[in-house]
């Protein structure tokens, strides 16, 4: 389980829950249920971090709760 903030919301346009990680650019996932979206974003976070490491890119330190997220 990651320590990055996850923003989760319902998208009527996509007919799915959307999970986004503001600290990791482009890191987002969806799911038919709240739980599925959370499970999917955890996998995407892992893949995002693995890719960043393999490309020798800086990985943001989790900031925890954002003030106005």
PDB file of N, CA and C in Angstrom:
ATOM      1  N   UNK A   1       0.846  -1.179   0.000  1.00  0.00           N
ATOM      2  CA  UNK A   1       0.000   0.000   0.000  1.00  0.00           C
ATOM      3  C   UNK A   1       0.889   1.238   0.000  1.00  0.00           C
ATOM      4  N   UNK A   2       0.562   2.161  -0.869  1.00  0.00           N
ATOM      5  CA  UNK A   2       1.385   3.360  -0.996  1.00  0.00           C
ATOM      6  C   UNK A   2       1.023   4.401   0.055  1.00  0.00           C
ATOM      7  N   UNK A   3       1.854   5.409   0.153  1.00  0.00           N
ATOM      8  CA  UNK A   3       1.611   6.507   1.091  1.00  0.00           C
ATOM      9  C   UNK A   3       1.249   7.794   0.360  1.00  0.00           C
ATOM     10  N   UNK A   4       1.010   7.682  -0.924  1.00  0.00           N
ATOM     11  CA  UNK A   4       0.627   8.842  -1.710  1.00  0.00           C
ATOM     12  C   UNK A   4      -0.870   9.098  -1.565  1.00  0.00           C
ATOM     13  N   UNK A   5      -1.222  10.385  -1.624  1.00  0.00           N
ATOM     14  CA  UNK A   5      -2.631  10.748  -1.553  1.00  0.00           C
ATOM     15  C   UNK A   5      -3.331  10.283  -2.831  1.00  0.00           C
ATOM     16  N   UNK A   6      -4.512   9.722  -2.666  1.00  0.00           N
ATOM     17  CA  UNK A   6      -5.330   9.272  -3.786  1.00  0.00           C
ATOM     18  C   UNK A   6      -6.634  10.060  -3.751  1.00  0.00           C
ATOM     19  N   UNK A   7      -6.966  10.672  -4.869  1.00  0.00           N
ATOM     20  CA  UNK A   7      -8.247  11.359  -4.998  1.00  0.00           C
ATOM     21  C   UNK A   7      -9.161  10.433  -5.791  1.00  0.00           C
ATOM     22  N   UNK A   8     -10.324  10.146  -5.225  1.00  0.00           N
ATOM     23  CA  UNK A   8     -11.256   9.201  -5.836  1.00  0.00           C
ATOM     24  C   UNK A   8     -12.588   9.892  -6.052  1.00  0.00           C
ATOM     25  N   UNK A   9     -13.121   9.774  -7.257  1.00  0.00           N
ATOM     26  CA  UNK A   9     -14.404  10.404  -7.552  1.00  0.00           C
ATOM     27  C   UNK A   9     -15.156   9.601  -8.609  1.00  0.00           C
ATOM     28  N   UNK A  10     -16.467   9.828  -8.672  1.00  0.00           N
ATOM     29  CA  UNK A  10     -17.311   9.187  -9.668  1.00  0.00           C
ATOM     30  C   UNK A  10     -17.314  10.030 -10.931  1.00  0.00           C
ATOM     31  N   UNK A  11     -17.164   9.401 -12.088  1.00  0.00           N
ATOM     32  CA  UNK A  11     -17.239  10.082 -13.373  1.00  0.00           C
ATOM     33  C   UNK A  11     -18.443   9.548 -14.137  1.00  0.00           C
ATOM     34  N   UNK A  12     -19.459  10.391 -14.290  1.00  0.00           N
ATOM     35  CA  UNK A  12     -20.641   9.983 -15.055  1.00  0.00           C
ATOM     36  C   UNK A  12     -20.283   9.768 -16.522  1.00  0.00           C
ATOM     37  N   UNK A  13     -19.350  10.577 -17.040  1.00  0.00           N
ATOM     38  CA  UNK A  13     -18.933  10.431 -18.441  1.00  0.00           C
ATOM     39  C   UNK A  13     -18.313   9.062 -18.709  1.00  0.00           C
ATOM     40  N   UNK A  14     -17.526   8.574 -17.746  1.00  0.00           N
ATOM     41  CA  UNK A  14     -16.856   7.278 -17.894  1.00  0.00           C
ATOM     42  C   UNK A  14     -17.660   6.132 -17.292  1.00  0.00           C
ATOM     43  N   UNK A  15     -18.700   6.477 -16.530  1.00  0.00           N
ATOM     44  CA  UNK A  15     -19.492   5.478 -15.813  1.00  0.00           C
ATOM     45  C   UNK A  15     -18.588   4.595 -14.946  1.00  0.00           C
ATOM     46  N   UNK A  16     -17.675   5.269 -14.246  1.00  0.00           N
ATOM     47  CA  UNK A  16     -16.698   4.548 -13.426  1.00  0.00           C
ATOM     48  C   UNK A  16     -16.158   5.477 -12.340  1.00  0.00           C
ATOM     49  N   UNK A  17     -15.570   4.865 -11.322  1.00  0.00           N
ATOM     50  CA  UNK A  17     -14.827   5.624 -10.319  1.00  0.00           C
ATOM     51  C   UNK A  17     -13.433   5.896 -10.891  1.00  0.00           C
ATOM     52  N   UNK A  18     -12.945   7.093 -10.676  1.00  0.00           N
ATOM     53  CA  UNK A  18     -11.614   7.480 -11.140  1.00  0.00           C
ATOM     54  C   UNK A  18     -10.744   7.749  -9.918  1.00  0.00           C
ATOM     55  N   UNK A  19      -9.548   7.202  -9.927  1.00  0.00           N
ATOM     56  CA  UNK A  19      -8.577   7.423  -8.847  1.00  0.00           C
ATOM     57  C   UNK A  19      -7.362   8.106  -9.458  1.00  0.00           C
ATOM     58  N   UNK A  20      -6.943   9.217  -8.854  1.00  0.00           N
ATOM     59  CA  UNK A  20      -5.785   9.960  -9.332  1.00  0.00           C
ATOM     60  C   UNK A  20      -4.810  10.194  -8.182  1.00  0.00           C
ATOM     61  N   UNK A  21      -3.521  10.248  -8.519  1.00  0.00           N
ATOM     62  CA  UNK A  21      -2.471  10.521  -7.541  1.00  0.00           C
ATOM     63  C   UNK A  21      -1.799  11.826  -7.960  1.00  0.00           C
ATOM     64  N   UNK A  22      -2.172  12.947  -7.327  1.00  0.00           N
ATOM     65  CA  UNK A  22      -1.661  14.250  -7.747  1.00  0.00           C
ATOM     66  C   UNK A  22      -0.136  14.375  -7.720  1.00  0.00           C
ATOM     67  N   UNK A  23       0.517  13.666  -6.829  1.00  0.00           N
ATOM     68  CA  UNK A  23       1.975  13.786  -6.687  1.00  0.00           C
ATOM     69  C   UNK A  23       2.745  13.034  -7.768  1.00  0.00           C
ATOM     70  N   UNK A  24       2.059  12.143  -8.486  1.00  0.00           N
ATOM     71  CA  UNK A  24       2.710  11.356  -9.529  1.00  0.00           C
ATOM     72  C   UNK A  24       2.045  11.707 -10.859  1.00  0.00           C
ATOM     73  N   UNK A  25       2.631  12.587 -11.641  1.00  0.00           N
ATOM     74  CA  UNK A  25       2.016  13.055 -12.882  1.00  0.00           C
ATOM     75  C   UNK A  25       1.565  11.918 -13.795  1.00  0.00           C
ATOM     76  N   UNK A  26       0.312  12.006 -14.222  1.00  0.00           N
ATOM     77  CA  UNK A  26      -0.236  11.009 -15.133  1.00  0.00           C
ATOM     78  C   UNK A  26      -0.677   9.725 -14.481  1.00  0.00           C
ATOM     79  N   UNK A  27      -0.574   9.633 -13.177  1.00  0.00           N
ATOM     80  CA  UNK A  27      -0.907   8.401 -12.462  1.00  0.00           C
ATOM     81  C   UNK A  27      -2.400   8.393 -12.132  1.00  0.00           C
ATOM     82  N   UNK A  28      -3.155   7.577 -12.864  1.00  0.00           N
ATOM     83  CA  UNK A  28      -4.598   7.491 -12.675  1.00  0.00           C
ATOM     84  C   UNK A  28      -5.081   6.105 -13.070  1.00  0.00           C
ATOM     85  N   UNK A  29      -6.217   5.728 -12.515  1.00  0.00           N
ATOM     86  CA  UNK A  29      -6.833   4.439 -12.836  1.00  0.00           C
ATOM     87  C   UNK A  29      -8.334   4.581 -12.651  1.00  0.00           C
ATOM     88  N   UNK A  30      -9.067   3.580 -13.112  1.00  0.00           N
ATOM     89  CA  UNK A  30     -10.513   3.595 -12.918  1.00  0.00           C
ATOM     90  C   UNK A  30     -10.981   2.227 -12.459  1.00  0.00           C
ATOM     91  N   UNK A  31     -12.265   2.155 -12.142  1.00  0.00           N
ATOM     92  CA  UNK A  31     -12.859   0.889 -11.724  1.00  0.00           C
ATOM     93  C   UNK A  31     -14.364   1.005 -11.695  1.00  0.00           C
ATOM     94  N   UNK A  32     -15.026  -0.131 -11.813  1.00  0.00           N
ATOM     95  CA  UNK A  32     -16.491  -0.155 -11.772  1.00  0.00           C
ATOM     96  C   UNK A  32     -17.017   0.082 -10.366  1.00  0.00           C
ATOM     97  N   UNK A  33     -16.174  -0.162  -9.367  1.00  0.00           N
ATOM     98  CA  UNK A  33     -16.553   0.069  -7.971  1.00  0.00           C
ATOM     99  C   UNK A  33     -15.447   0.880  -7.295  1.00  0.00           C
ATOM    100  N   UNK A  34     -15.784   1.426  -6.138  1.00  0.00           N
ATOM    101  CA  UNK A  34     -14.820   2.175  -5.335  1.00  0.00           C
ATOM    102  C   UNK A  34     -13.600   1.293  -5.052  1.00  0.00           C
ATOM    103  N   UNK A  35     -13.866   0.068  -4.596  1.00  0.00           N
ATOM    104  CA  UNK A  35     -12.788  -0.859  -4.252  1.00  0.00           C
ATOM    105  C   UNK A  35     -11.937  -1.214  -5.466  1.00  0.00           C
ATOM    106  N   UNK A  36     -12.566  -1.450  -6.600  1.00  0.00           N
ATOM    107  CA  UNK A  36     -11.815  -1.796  -7.806  1.00  0.00           C
ATOM    108  C   UNK A  36     -10.905  -0.641  -8.232  1.00  0.00           C
ATOM    109  N   UNK A  37     -11.393   0.586  -8.137  1.00  0.00           N
ATOM    110  CA  UNK A  37     -10.570   1.748  -8.486  1.00  0.00           C
ATOM    111  C   UNK A  37      -9.359   1.849  -7.564  1.00  0.00           C
ATOM    112  N   UNK A  38      -9.563   1.611  -6.273  1.00  0.00           N
ATOM    113  CA  UNK A  38      -8.442   1.656  -5.315  1.00  0.00           C
ATOM    114  C   UNK A  38      -7.434   0.548  -5.614  1.00  0.00           C
ATOM    115  N   UNK A  39      -7.920  -0.647  -5.873  1.00  0.00           N
ATOM    116  CA  UNK A  39      -7.009  -1.752  -6.192  1.00  0.00           C
ATOM    117  C   UNK A  39      -6.226  -1.454  -7.466  1.00  0.00           C
ATOM    118  N   UNK A  40      -6.897  -0.901  -8.457  1.00  0.00           N
ATOM    119  CA  UNK A  40      -6.224  -0.595  -9.726  1.00  0.00           C
ATOM    120  C   UNK A  40      -5.185   0.502  -9.551  1.00  0.00           C
ATOM    121  N   UNK A  41      -5.501   1.529  -8.775  1.00  0.00           N
ATOM    122  CA  UNK A  41      -4.534   2.621  -8.614  1.00  0.00           C
ATOM    123  C   UNK A  41      -3.310   2.151  -7.832  1.00  0.00           C
ATOM    124  N   UNK A  42      -3.487   1.245  -6.892  1.00  0.00           N
ATOM    125  CA  UNK A  42      -2.326   0.711  -6.173  1.00  0.00           C
ATOM    126  C   UNK A  42      -1.375   0.010  -7.149  1.00  0.00           C
ATOM    127  N   UNK A  43      -1.924  -0.720  -8.113  1.00  0.00           N
ATOM    128  CA  UNK A  43      -1.088  -1.381  -9.124  1.00  0.00           C
ATOM    129  C   UNK A  43      -0.405  -0.351 -10.013  1.00  0.00           C
ATOM    130  N   UNK A  44      -1.143   0.679 -10.409  1.00  0.00           N
ATOM    131  CA  UNK A  44      -0.581   1.711 -11.282  1.00  0.00           C
ATOM    132  C   UNK A  44       0.504   2.503 -10.551  1.00  0.00           C
ATOM    133  N   UNK A  45       0.306   2.785  -9.267  1.00  0.00           N
ATOM    134  CA  UNK A  45       1.342   3.467  -8.478  1.00  0.00           C
ATOM    135  C   UNK A  45       2.621   2.639  -8.488  1.00  0.00           C
ATOM    136  N   UNK A  46       2.484   1.354  -8.260  1.00  0.00           N
ATOM    137  CA  UNK A  46       3.642   0.462  -8.255  1.00  0.00           C
ATOM    138  C   UNK A  46       4.364   0.494  -9.600  1.00  0.00           C
ATOM    139  N   UNK A  47       3.602   0.439 -10.688  1.00  0.00           N
ATOM    140  CA  UNK A  47       4.197   0.475 -12.024  1.00  0.00           C
ATOM    141  C   UNK A  47       4.819   1.839 -12.313  1.00  0.00           C
ATOM    142  N   UNK A  48       4.184   2.914 -11.861  1.00  0.00           N
ATOM    143  CA  UNK A  48       4.730   4.260 -12.057  1.00  0.00           C
ATOM    144  C   UNK A  48       6.097   4.361 -11.385  1.00  0.00           C
ATOM    145  N   UNK A  49       6.175   3.908 -10.126  1.00  0.00           N
ATOM    146  CA  UNK A  49       7.429   3.983  -9.379  1.00  0.00           C
ATOM    147  C   UNK A  49       8.509   3.101 -10.007  1.00  0.00           C
ATOM    148  N   UNK A  50       8.127   1.910 -10.449  1.00  0.00           N
ATOM    149  CA  UNK A  50       9.081   0.996 -11.092  1.00  0.00           C
ATOM    150  C   UNK A  50       9.640   1.618 -12.377  1.00  0.00           C
ATOM    151  N   UNK A  51       8.774   2.236 -13.157  1.00  0.00           N
ATOM    152  CA  UNK A  51       9.213   2.882 -14.398  1.00  0.00           C
ATOM    153  C   UNK A  51      10.141   4.053 -14.098  1.00  0.00           C
ATOM    154  N   UNK A  52       9.778   4.873 -13.116  1.00  0.00           N
ATOM    155  CA  UNK A  52      10.618   6.016 -12.745  1.00  0.00           C
ATOM    156  C   UNK A  52      12.006   5.544 -12.306  1.00  0.00           C
ATOM    157  N   UNK A  53      12.052   4.474 -11.525  1.00  0.00           N
ATOM    158  CA  UNK A  53      13.351   3.931 -11.087  1.00  0.00           C
ATOM    159  C   UNK A  53      14.170   3.448 -12.280  1.00  0.00           C
ATOM    160  N   UNK A  54      13.510   2.732 -13.203  1.00  0.00           N
ATOM    161  CA  UNK A  54      14.244   2.176 -14.346  1.00  0.00           C
ATOM    162  C   UNK A  54      14.768   3.274 -15.271  1.00  0.00           C
ATOM    163  N   UNK A  55      14.103   4.434 -15.274  1.00  0.00           N
ATOM    164  CA  UNK A  55      14.544   5.564 -16.097  1.00  0.00           C
ATOM    165  C   UNK A  55      15.416   6.534 -15.313  1.00  0.00           C
ATOM    166  N   UNK A  56      15.732   6.170 -14.074  1.00  0.00           N
ATOM    167  CA  UNK A  56      16.563   6.991 -13.190  1.00  0.00           C
ATOM    168  C   UNK A  56      15.975   8.396 -12.993  1.00  0.00           C
ATOM    169  N   UNK A  57      14.653   8.438 -12.831  1.00  0.00           N
ATOM    170  CA  UNK A  57      13.963   9.705 -12.598  1.00  0.00           C
ATOM    171  C   UNK A  57      13.729   9.915 -11.110  1.00  0.00           C
ATOM    172  N   UNK A  58      13.585  11.155 -10.729  1.00  0.00           N
ATOM    173  CA  UNK A  58      13.312  11.502  -9.338  1.00  0.00           C
ATOM    174  C   UNK A  58      11.922  11.030  -8.952  1.00  0.00           C
ATOM    175  N   UNK A  59      11.822  10.403  -7.802  1.00  0.00           N
ATOM    176  CA  UNK A  59      10.536   9.938  -7.282  1.00  0.00           C
ATOM    177  C   UNK A  59      10.122  10.877  -6.157  1.00  0.00           C
ATOM    178  N   UNK A  60       8.953  11.497  -6.293  1.00  0.00           N
ATOM    179  CA  UNK A  60       8.499  12.420  -5.251  1.00  0.00           C
ATOM    180  C   UNK A  60       8.317  11.716  -3.903  1.00  0.00           C
ATOM    181  N   UNK A  61       8.674  12.406  -2.839  1.00  0.00           N
ATOM    182  CA  UNK A  61       8.450  11.890  -1.493  1.00  0.00           C
ATOM    183  C   UNK A  61       6.973  12.113  -1.173  1.00  0.00           C
ATOM    184  N   UNK A  62       6.265  11.111  -0.646  1.00  0.00           N
ATOM    185  CA  UNK A  62       4.856  11.305  -0.312  1.00  0.00           C
ATOM    186  C   UNK A  62       4.710  12.441   0.698  1.00  0.00           C
ATOM    187  N   UNK A  63       3.844  13.393   0.393  1.00  0.00           N
ATOM    188  CA  UNK A  63       3.635  14.532   1.267  1.00  0.00           C
ATOM    189  C   UNK A  63       2.501  14.295   2.255  1.00  0.00           C
ATOM    190  N   UNK A  64       1.748  13.244   2.075  1.00  0.00           N
ATOM    191  CA  UNK A  64       0.599  13.028   2.935  1.00  0.00           C
ATOM    192  C   UNK A  64      -0.555  13.893   2.489  1.00  0.00           C
ATOM    193  N   UNK A  65      -1.400  14.242   3.408  1.00  0.00           N
ATOM    194  CA  UNK A  65      -2.600  15.016   3.079  1.00  0.00           C
ATOM    195  C   UNK A  65      -2.232  16.386   2.530  1.00  0.00           C
ATOM    196  N   UNK A  66      -2.782  16.695   1.366  1.00  0.00           N
ATOM    197  CA  UNK A  66      -2.598  18.004   0.776  1.00  0.00           C
ATOM    198  C   UNK A  66      -3.605  18.952   1.399  1.00  0.00           C
ATOM    199  N   UNK A  67      -3.224  20.190   1.580  1.00  0.00           N
ATOM    200  CA  UNK A  67      -4.075  21.133   2.285  1.00  0.00           C
ATOM    201  C   UNK A  67      -5.425  21.358   1.605  1.00  0.00           C
ATOM    202  N   UNK A  68      -5.428  21.495   0.286  1.00  0.00           N
ATOM    203  CA  UNK A  68      -6.668  21.816  -0.415  1.00  0.00           C
ATOM    204  C   UNK A  68      -7.009  20.798  -1.486  1.00  0.00           C
ATOM    205  N   UNK A  69      -6.792  19.534  -1.223  1.00  0.00           N
ATOM    206  CA  UNK A  69      -7.100  18.509  -2.219  1.00  0.00           C
ATOM    207  C   UNK A  69      -8.553  18.133  -2.161  1.00  0.00           C
TER     208      UNK A  69
END
